[in-house]
N, C-alpha and C. Protein backbone atom coordinates (compact mmCIF):
# COMPACT_ATOMS: atom_id res chain seq x y z
N UNK A 1 93.90 -155.33 26.38
CA UNK A 1 92.52 -155.35 25.96
C UNK A 1 92.41 -156.25 24.73
N UNK A 2 91.37 -157.08 24.69
CA UNK A 2 91.16 -157.99 23.58
C UNK A 2 89.84 -157.68 22.89
N UNK A 3 89.83 -157.76 21.60
CA UNK A 3 88.62 -157.52 20.81
C UNK A 3 88.30 -158.77 20.01
N UNK A 4 87.04 -158.99 19.79
CA UNK A 4 86.64 -160.09 18.92
C UNK A 4 87.07 -159.78 17.49
N UNK A 5 87.40 -160.80 16.76
CA UNK A 5 87.72 -160.62 15.35
C UNK A 5 86.47 -160.15 14.62
N UNK A 6 86.65 -159.46 13.52
CA UNK A 6 85.55 -158.87 12.77
C UNK A 6 84.40 -159.83 12.46
N UNK A 7 84.68 -161.05 12.03
CA UNK A 7 83.56 -161.96 11.70
C UNK A 7 82.67 -162.30 12.90
N UNK A 8 83.15 -162.04 14.10
CA UNK A 8 82.39 -162.38 15.29
C UNK A 8 81.70 -161.19 15.93
N UNK A 9 81.76 -160.05 15.31
CA UNK A 9 81.24 -158.86 15.97
C UNK A 9 80.72 -157.87 14.93
N UNK A 10 79.41 -157.92 14.66
CA UNK A 10 78.84 -157.07 13.62
C UNK A 10 77.81 -156.13 14.25
N UNK A 11 78.22 -154.90 14.49
CA UNK A 11 77.33 -153.89 15.06
C UNK A 11 76.44 -153.31 13.96
N UNK A 12 75.28 -152.81 14.36
CA UNK A 12 74.36 -152.16 13.41
C UNK A 12 74.10 -153.06 12.20
N UNK A 13 73.83 -154.31 12.44
CA UNK A 13 73.76 -155.28 11.34
C UNK A 13 72.56 -155.10 10.43
N UNK A 14 71.42 -154.67 10.96
CA UNK A 14 70.23 -154.56 10.13
C UNK A 14 70.25 -153.23 9.37
N UNK A 15 70.10 -153.26 8.04
CA UNK A 15 70.17 -152.02 7.27
C UNK A 15 69.00 -151.09 7.58
N UNK A 16 69.32 -149.85 7.88
CA UNK A 16 68.32 -148.86 8.26
C UNK A 16 68.46 -147.61 7.40
N UNK A 17 67.91 -147.64 6.18
CA UNK A 17 67.94 -146.42 5.36
C UNK A 17 67.14 -145.31 6.04
N UNK A 18 67.26 -144.10 5.54
CA UNK A 18 66.65 -142.93 6.17
C UNK A 18 65.16 -143.12 6.48
N UNK A 19 64.43 -143.68 5.56
CA UNK A 19 62.98 -143.87 5.78
C UNK A 19 62.72 -144.74 7.01
N UNK A 20 63.46 -145.82 7.16
CA UNK A 20 63.27 -146.70 8.32
C UNK A 20 63.74 -146.02 9.60
N UNK A 21 64.82 -145.27 9.52
CA UNK A 21 65.28 -144.53 10.70
C UNK A 21 64.23 -143.55 11.19
N UNK A 22 63.59 -142.85 10.27
CA UNK A 22 62.53 -141.92 10.66
C UNK A 22 61.37 -142.66 11.31
N UNK A 23 61.01 -143.81 10.77
CA UNK A 23 59.93 -144.60 11.34
C UNK A 23 60.32 -145.12 12.72
N UNK A 24 61.56 -145.53 12.86
CA UNK A 24 62.08 -146.07 14.12
C UNK A 24 62.10 -145.00 15.21
N UNK A 25 62.45 -143.80 14.83
CA UNK A 25 62.64 -142.73 15.82
C UNK A 25 61.43 -141.83 15.98
N UNK A 26 60.36 -142.10 15.24
CA UNK A 26 59.17 -141.26 15.30
C UNK A 26 58.44 -141.36 16.63
N UNK A 27 57.60 -140.38 16.89
CA UNK A 27 56.86 -140.33 18.15
C UNK A 27 55.83 -141.45 18.26
N UNK A 28 55.27 -141.88 17.14
CA UNK A 28 54.25 -142.94 17.13
C UNK A 28 54.64 -144.01 16.12
N UNK A 29 55.55 -144.92 16.52
CA UNK A 29 56.04 -145.93 15.58
C UNK A 29 54.91 -146.87 15.13
N UNK A 30 54.86 -147.13 13.86
CA UNK A 30 53.89 -148.05 13.27
C UNK A 30 54.62 -149.36 12.97
N UNK A 31 54.46 -150.33 13.84
CA UNK A 31 55.18 -151.59 13.74
C UNK A 31 54.86 -152.33 12.46
N UNK A 32 53.59 -152.38 12.09
CA UNK A 32 53.19 -153.11 10.87
C UNK A 32 53.81 -152.49 9.63
N UNK A 33 53.76 -151.18 9.52
CA UNK A 33 54.34 -150.50 8.36
C UNK A 33 55.85 -150.67 8.34
N UNK A 34 56.47 -150.56 9.50
CA UNK A 34 57.92 -150.76 9.58
C UNK A 34 58.28 -152.16 9.08
N UNK A 35 57.54 -153.16 9.51
CA UNK A 35 57.82 -154.54 9.11
C UNK A 35 57.70 -154.71 7.59
N UNK A 36 56.64 -154.17 7.03
CA UNK A 36 56.44 -154.29 5.58
C UNK A 36 57.60 -153.65 4.83
N UNK A 37 57.96 -152.45 5.21
CA UNK A 37 59.02 -151.73 4.49
C UNK A 37 60.40 -152.34 4.75
N UNK A 38 60.68 -152.71 5.98
CA UNK A 38 62.00 -153.22 6.34
C UNK A 38 62.25 -154.61 5.76
N UNK A 39 61.28 -155.49 5.88
CA UNK A 39 61.50 -156.88 5.49
C UNK A 39 61.34 -157.12 4.00
N UNK A 40 60.82 -156.15 3.27
CA UNK A 40 60.66 -156.33 1.83
C UNK A 40 61.90 -155.90 1.05
N UNK A 41 62.85 -155.29 1.71
CA UNK A 41 64.09 -154.87 1.05
C UNK A 41 64.90 -156.11 0.69
N UNK A 42 65.34 -156.25 -0.56
CA UNK A 42 66.05 -157.47 -0.96
C UNK A 42 67.36 -157.71 -0.19
N UNK A 43 67.95 -156.67 0.32
CA UNK A 43 69.23 -156.79 1.03
C UNK A 43 69.06 -156.82 2.56
N UNK A 44 67.84 -156.82 3.04
CA UNK A 44 67.58 -156.67 4.47
C UNK A 44 68.30 -157.68 5.35
N UNK A 45 68.44 -158.90 4.88
CA UNK A 45 69.03 -159.94 5.72
C UNK A 45 70.38 -160.43 5.21
N UNK A 46 71.03 -159.64 4.38
CA UNK A 46 72.35 -160.01 3.87
C UNK A 46 73.38 -160.13 4.98
N UNK A 47 73.16 -159.43 6.09
CA UNK A 47 74.13 -159.46 7.19
C UNK A 47 74.35 -160.86 7.74
N UNK A 48 73.38 -161.74 7.57
CA UNK A 48 73.49 -163.10 8.09
C UNK A 48 74.67 -163.84 7.47
N UNK A 49 74.95 -163.54 6.22
CA UNK A 49 76.07 -164.19 5.52
C UNK A 49 77.42 -163.52 5.78
N UNK A 50 77.41 -162.35 6.40
CA UNK A 50 78.63 -161.58 6.55
C UNK A 50 79.38 -161.82 7.85
N UNK A 51 78.67 -162.15 8.91
CA UNK A 51 79.30 -162.30 10.23
C UNK A 51 78.63 -163.44 10.99
N UNK A 52 79.25 -163.83 12.11
CA UNK A 52 78.72 -164.90 12.94
C UNK A 52 77.85 -164.40 14.10
N UNK A 53 78.15 -163.23 14.61
CA UNK A 53 77.40 -162.66 15.73
C UNK A 53 76.86 -161.31 15.29
N UNK A 54 75.57 -161.12 15.47
CA UNK A 54 74.91 -159.90 15.01
C UNK A 54 74.42 -159.10 16.20
N UNK A 55 74.72 -157.81 16.19
CA UNK A 55 74.25 -156.90 17.24
C UNK A 55 73.26 -155.94 16.58
N UNK A 56 72.03 -156.01 17.00
CA UNK A 56 70.98 -155.17 16.43
C UNK A 56 70.95 -153.82 17.15
N UNK A 57 72.08 -153.13 17.14
CA UNK A 57 72.23 -151.91 17.92
C UNK A 57 71.61 -150.68 17.27
N UNK A 58 71.35 -150.75 15.98
CA UNK A 58 70.76 -149.58 15.32
C UNK A 58 69.24 -149.65 15.26
N UNK A 59 68.67 -150.73 15.74
CA UNK A 59 67.21 -150.86 15.82
C UNK A 59 66.86 -150.91 17.29
N UNK A 60 66.11 -149.94 17.78
CA UNK A 60 65.77 -149.91 19.20
C UNK A 60 64.29 -150.23 19.39
N UNK A 61 63.44 -149.40 18.85
CA UNK A 61 61.99 -149.57 19.02
C UNK A 61 61.51 -150.90 18.47
N UNK A 62 62.03 -151.30 17.33
CA UNK A 62 61.57 -152.51 16.66
C UNK A 62 62.58 -153.66 16.75
N UNK A 63 63.45 -153.62 17.74
CA UNK A 63 64.50 -154.64 17.85
C UNK A 63 63.93 -156.05 17.96
N UNK A 64 62.96 -156.26 18.81
CA UNK A 64 62.38 -157.61 18.96
C UNK A 64 61.74 -158.08 17.67
N UNK A 65 61.10 -157.18 16.97
CA UNK A 65 60.47 -157.50 15.69
C UNK A 65 61.52 -157.96 14.68
N UNK A 66 62.60 -157.21 14.56
CA UNK A 66 63.66 -157.53 13.59
C UNK A 66 64.37 -158.81 13.99
N UNK A 67 64.68 -158.97 15.25
CA UNK A 67 65.35 -160.18 15.70
C UNK A 67 64.45 -161.40 15.49
N UNK A 68 63.16 -161.26 15.77
CA UNK A 68 62.22 -162.36 15.57
C UNK A 68 62.12 -162.75 14.11
N UNK A 69 62.06 -161.78 13.22
CA UNK A 69 61.98 -162.07 11.78
C UNK A 69 63.27 -162.72 11.29
N UNK A 70 64.40 -162.28 11.80
CA UNK A 70 65.67 -162.89 11.44
C UNK A 70 65.65 -164.36 11.84
N UNK A 71 65.20 -164.62 13.05
CA UNK A 71 65.14 -166.00 13.53
C UNK A 71 64.21 -166.85 12.66
N UNK A 72 63.03 -166.32 12.35
CA UNK A 72 62.08 -167.07 11.54
C UNK A 72 62.67 -167.43 10.17
N UNK A 73 63.45 -166.54 9.62
CA UNK A 73 64.02 -166.79 8.29
C UNK A 73 65.21 -167.73 8.30
N UNK A 74 65.92 -167.82 9.41
CA UNK A 74 67.18 -168.57 9.42
C UNK A 74 67.28 -169.65 10.48
N UNK A 75 66.22 -169.91 11.20
CA UNK A 75 66.30 -170.88 12.30
C UNK A 75 66.64 -172.29 11.83
N UNK A 76 66.30 -172.64 10.59
CA UNK A 76 66.63 -173.98 10.10
C UNK A 76 68.14 -174.20 10.02
N UNK A 77 68.92 -173.13 10.05
CA UNK A 77 70.38 -173.24 10.05
C UNK A 77 70.93 -173.61 11.42
N UNK A 78 70.08 -173.62 12.45
CA UNK A 78 70.52 -173.87 13.81
C UNK A 78 69.67 -174.98 14.43
N UNK A 79 69.90 -176.24 14.03
CA UNK A 79 69.08 -177.34 14.52
C UNK A 79 69.13 -177.45 16.04
N UNK A 80 67.97 -177.63 16.62
CA UNK A 80 67.87 -177.79 18.08
C UNK A 80 67.69 -176.50 18.83
N UNK A 81 67.96 -175.37 18.23
CA UNK A 81 67.80 -174.08 18.91
C UNK A 81 66.31 -173.73 18.95
N UNK A 82 65.90 -173.14 20.06
CA UNK A 82 64.48 -172.80 20.26
C UNK A 82 64.38 -171.38 20.81
N UNK A 83 63.34 -170.66 20.38
CA UNK A 83 63.05 -169.34 20.92
C UNK A 83 61.86 -169.51 21.86
N UNK A 84 61.86 -168.80 22.96
CA UNK A 84 60.80 -168.98 23.97
C UNK A 84 59.40 -168.88 23.39
N UNK A 85 59.11 -167.92 22.54
CA UNK A 85 57.75 -167.76 22.04
C UNK A 85 57.35 -168.82 21.02
N UNK A 86 58.29 -169.69 20.64
CA UNK A 86 57.98 -170.75 19.68
C UNK A 86 58.02 -172.13 20.32
N UNK A 87 58.18 -172.22 21.62
CA UNK A 87 58.25 -173.53 22.29
C UNK A 87 56.88 -174.17 22.37
């Protein structure tokens, strides 16, 4: 069995403190409030500098939102790459 080296495999990359976890797992998730609280944290996107491949496994309800915001913030680091909703 072979495993990827640590720099290539970062599970649960987006920080989810208790408040965000409750919002994520709540019966009526508020996407706008989640975005404001999650993306305003100064350490929210530190994971980008830590590993090469990010797995957003700890964000389920808001996964597309978090992945989209990550892309918007760092897409200039990947010249030529395109996301479908930005074509």
